[in-house]
Amino acid sequence: QVRLVESGGGLVQAGGSLRLSCVVSGIIFENLDMEWYRQTPGKQRELVAMITSGGSTNYAAPLRGRCTISRDNARNKLYLQMGSLKPEDTAVYYCHVRSSLTIWGQGTQVFVSS
């Protein structure tokens, strides 16, 4: 069974940084295009960043220029390095297998205080 487990969330002040991690099991990680999404209560889940199996990256507008998505295929891990964080970045951040509508992690909560 495919599992995605996110970690690294927490409380950070505005302007600070966090690195989120997602460990992937039950599937050959190196074959996957992966994404980070985020969701705030009352809002739709929104794409943050994407990385292909080959390492090419794309970023959605809200965090473009303030985050870097990366992967470590040897460790089956996906990362999202975020900086210059704003209170509006407060959300639950989710790991996602791009090709699947159903393969999600449980999410990790990020709080950005003002």
C-alpha atoms as a PDB file:
ATOM      1  CA  GLN A   1       0.000   0.000   0.000  1.00  0.00           C
ATOM      2  CA  VAL A   2       1.293   3.428  -0.914  1.00  0.00           C
ATOM      3  CA  ARG A   3       1.925   5.714   2.037  1.00  0.00           C
ATOM      4  CA  LEU A   4       2.982   9.339   2.193  1.00  0.00           C
ATOM      5  CA  VAL A   5       3.988  10.736   5.581  1.00  0.00           C
ATOM      6  CA  GLU A   6       4.632  14.446   5.930  1.00  0.00           C
ATOM      7  CA  SER A   7       6.599  16.118   8.700  1.00  0.00           C
ATOM      8  CA  GLY A   8       8.403  19.341   9.485  1.00  0.00           C
ATOM      9  CA  GLY A   9       5.513  21.679  10.104  1.00  0.00           C
ATOM     10  CA  GLY A  10       5.241  23.889  13.127  1.00  0.00           C
ATOM     11  CA  LEU A  11       5.159  27.469  14.302  1.00  0.00           C
ATOM     12  CA  VAL A  12       7.352  30.066  12.670  1.00  0.00           C
ATOM     13  CA  GLN A  13       7.370  33.843  12.743  1.00  0.00           C
ATOM     14  CA  ALA A  14       6.687  35.873   9.641  1.00  0.00           C
ATOM     15  CA  GLY A  15       9.840  36.045   7.586  1.00  0.00           C
ATOM     16  CA  GLY A  16      11.076  32.722   8.866  1.00  0.00           C
ATOM     17  CA  SER A  17      11.743  29.413   7.162  1.00  0.00           C
ATOM     18  CA  LEU A  18      10.644  25.799   7.384  1.00  0.00           C
ATOM     19  CA  ARG A  19      11.584  22.606   5.601  1.00  0.00           C
ATOM     20  CA  LEU A  20       8.815  20.089   5.110  1.00  0.00           C
ATOM     21  CA  SER A  21       9.522  16.447   4.384  1.00  0.00           C
ATOM     22  CA  CYS A  22       7.489  13.608   2.933  1.00  0.00           C
ATOM     23  CA  VAL A  23       8.607   9.999   3.053  1.00  0.00           C
ATOM     24  CA  VAL A  24       7.102   7.727   0.422  1.00  0.00           C
ATOM     25  CA  SER A  25       6.686   3.976   0.710  1.00  0.00           C
ATOM     26  CA  GLY A  26       4.884   1.213  -1.124  1.00  0.00           C
ATOM     27  CA  ILE A  27       5.793   2.455  -4.585  1.00  0.00           C
ATOM     28  CA  ILE A  28       8.917   3.103  -6.601  1.00  0.00           C
ATOM     29  CA  PHE A  29       9.480   6.716  -5.683  1.00  0.00           C
ATOM     30  CA  GLU A  30      11.894   7.581  -8.461  1.00  0.00           C
ATOM     31  CA  ASN A  31       9.177   6.970 -11.073  1.00  0.00           C
ATOM     32  CA  LEU A  32       6.788   9.508  -9.590  1.00  0.00           C
ATOM     33  CA  ASP A  33       6.046  13.102 -10.340  1.00  0.00           C
ATOM     34  CA  MET A  34       5.341  14.620  -6.934  1.00  0.00           C
ATOM     35  CA  GLU A  35       3.554  17.692  -5.653  1.00  0.00           C
ATOM     36  CA  TRP A  36       3.038  19.755  -2.550  1.00  0.00           C
ATOM     37  CA  TYR A  37      -0.426  21.170  -1.897  1.00  0.00           C
ATOM     38  CA  ARG A  38      -1.774  23.213   0.971  1.00  0.00           C
ATOM     39  CA  GLN A  39      -5.197  23.826   2.458  1.00  0.00           C
ATOM     40  CA  THR A  40      -6.639  26.336   4.894  1.00  0.00           C
ATOM     41  CA  PRO A  41     -10.026  25.676   6.525  1.00  0.00           C
ATOM     42  CA  GLY A  42     -12.759  27.034   4.300  1.00  0.00           C
ATOM     43  CA  LYS A  43     -10.567  27.135   1.220  1.00  0.00           C
ATOM     44  CA  GLN A  44      -9.897  24.765  -1.651  1.00  0.00           C
ATOM     45  CA  ARG A  45      -6.730  22.746  -1.571  1.00  0.00           C
ATOM     46  CA  GLU A  46      -4.205  24.528  -3.757  1.00  0.00           C
ATOM     47  CA  LEU A  47      -1.062  23.456  -5.547  1.00  0.00           C
ATOM     48  CA  VAL A  48       2.209  24.782  -4.165  1.00  0.00           C
ATOM     49  CA  ALA A  49       4.913  23.082  -6.205  1.00  0.00           C
ATOM     50  CA  MET A  50       5.638  20.117  -8.441  1.00  0.00           C
ATOM     51  CA  ILE A  51       8.719  18.089  -9.214  1.00  0.00           C
ATOM     52  CA  THR A  52       8.956  15.479 -11.949  1.00  0.00           C
ATOM     53  CA  SER A  53      10.632  12.117 -11.690  1.00  0.00           C
ATOM     54  CA  GLY A  54      13.506  13.672 -13.603  1.00  0.00           C
ATOM     55  CA  GLY A  55      13.860  16.590 -11.216  1.00  0.00           C
ATOM     56  CA  SER A  56      12.251  19.389 -13.202  1.00  0.00           C
ATOM     57  CA  THR A  57      10.302  21.798 -11.008  1.00  0.00           C
ATOM     58  CA  ASN A  58       7.329  24.102 -11.298  1.00  0.00           C
ATOM     59  CA  TYR A  59       5.850  26.487  -8.752  1.00  0.00           C
ATOM     60  CA  ALA A  60       2.413  27.945  -8.295  1.00  0.00           C
ATOM     61  CA  ALA A  61       2.124  31.685  -7.809  1.00  0.00           C
ATOM     62  CA  PRO A  62       1.432  31.939  -4.058  1.00  0.00           C
ATOM     63  CA  LEU A  63       4.854  30.638  -3.004  1.00  0.00           C
ATOM     64  CA  ARG A  64       6.796  31.097  -6.206  1.00  0.00           C
ATOM     65  CA  GLY A  65      10.168  32.592  -5.361  1.00  0.00           C
ATOM     66  CA  ARG A  66       9.809  31.698  -1.690  1.00  0.00           C
ATOM     67  CA  CYS A  67      10.049  27.918  -1.819  1.00  0.00           C
ATOM     68  CA  THR A  68      12.090  25.141  -3.345  1.00  0.00           C
ATOM     69  CA  ILE A  69      10.825  21.630  -3.987  1.00  0.00           C
ATOM     70  CA  SER A  70      13.398  18.858  -4.092  1.00  0.00           C
ATOM     71  CA  ARG A  71      13.702  15.110  -3.783  1.00  0.00           C
ATOM     72  CA  ASP A  72      16.133  12.503  -2.526  1.00  0.00           C
ATOM     73  CA  ASN A  73      15.407   9.350  -4.465  1.00  0.00           C
ATOM     74  CA  ALA A  74      17.884   7.302  -2.432  1.00  0.00           C
ATOM     75  CA  ARG A  75      15.833   8.030   0.686  1.00  0.00           C
ATOM     76  CA  ASN A  76      12.375   8.095  -0.935  1.00  0.00           C
ATOM     77  CA  LYS A  77      11.897  11.606   0.370  1.00  0.00           C
ATOM     78  CA  LEU A  78      10.313  14.754  -0.964  1.00  0.00           C
ATOM     79  CA  TYR A  79      11.094  18.177   0.480  1.00  0.00           C
ATOM     80  CA  LEU A  80       9.661  21.658   0.446  1.00  0.00           C
ATOM     81  CA  GLN A  81      11.976  24.383   1.690  1.00  0.00           C
ATOM     82  CA  MET A  82       9.989  27.523   2.445  1.00  0.00           C
ATOM     83  CA  GLY A  83      11.298  30.941   3.339  1.00  0.00           C
ATOM     84  CA  SER A  84      10.114  34.512   3.770  1.00  0.00           C
ATOM     85  CA  LEU A  85       6.965  33.026   5.228  1.00  0.00           C
ATOM     86  CA  LYS A  86       3.843  35.104   5.643  1.00  0.00           C
ATOM     87  CA  PRO A  87       0.801  34.620   7.878  1.00  0.00           C
ATOM     88  CA  GLU A  88      -1.191  33.779   4.754  1.00  0.00           C
ATOM     89  CA  ASP A  89       1.036  30.725   4.307  1.00  0.00           C
ATOM     90  CA  THR A  90      -0.585  29.179   7.380  1.00  0.00           C
ATOM     91  CA  ALA A  91      -2.131  25.928   6.169  1.00  0.00           C
ATOM     92  CA  VAL A  92      -1.928  22.176   6.276  1.00  0.00           C
ATOM     93  CA  TYR A  93       0.633  21.095   3.706  1.00  0.00           C
ATOM     94  CA  TYR A  94       0.127  17.826   1.854  1.00  0.00           C
ATOM     95  CA  CYS A  95       2.334  15.545  -0.186  1.00  0.00           C
ATOM     96  CA  HIS A  96       0.716  14.222  -3.364  1.00  0.00           C
ATOM     97  CA  VAL A  97       1.431  11.744  -6.121  1.00  0.00           C
ATOM     98  CA  ARG A  98       0.662  13.786  -9.216  1.00  0.00           C
ATOM     99  CA  SER A  99      -0.779  10.955 -11.279  1.00  0.00           C
ATOM    100  CA  SER A 100      -3.311   9.924  -8.630  1.00  0.00           C
ATOM    101  CA  LEU A 101      -6.417  11.673  -7.358  1.00  0.00           C
ATOM    102  CA  THR A 102      -6.356   9.633  -4.149  1.00  0.00           C
ATOM    103  CA  ILE A 103      -2.747   9.217  -2.999  1.00  0.00           C
ATOM    104  CA  TRP A 104      -2.210  11.906  -0.362  1.00  0.00           C
ATOM    105  CA  GLY A 105      -0.330  12.185   2.872  1.00  0.00           C
ATOM    106  CA  GLN A 106      -2.003  13.098   6.150  1.00  0.00           C
ATOM    107  CA  GLY A 107      -0.617  16.614   6.033  1.00  0.00           C
ATOM    108  CA  THR A 108       1.596  18.684   8.292  1.00  0.00           C
ATOM    109  CA  GLN A 109       0.396  21.904   9.904  1.00  0.00           C
ATOM    110  CA  VAL A 110       2.295  25.126   9.309  1.00  0.00           C
ATOM    111  CA  PHE A 111       1.549  28.203  11.429  1.00  0.00           C
ATOM    112  CA  VAL A 112       3.065  31.529  10.517  1.00  0.00           C
ATOM    113  CA  SER A 113       2.602  34.173  13.172  1.00  0.00           C
ATOM    114  CA  SER A 114       2.610  37.899  12.583  1.00  0.00           C
END
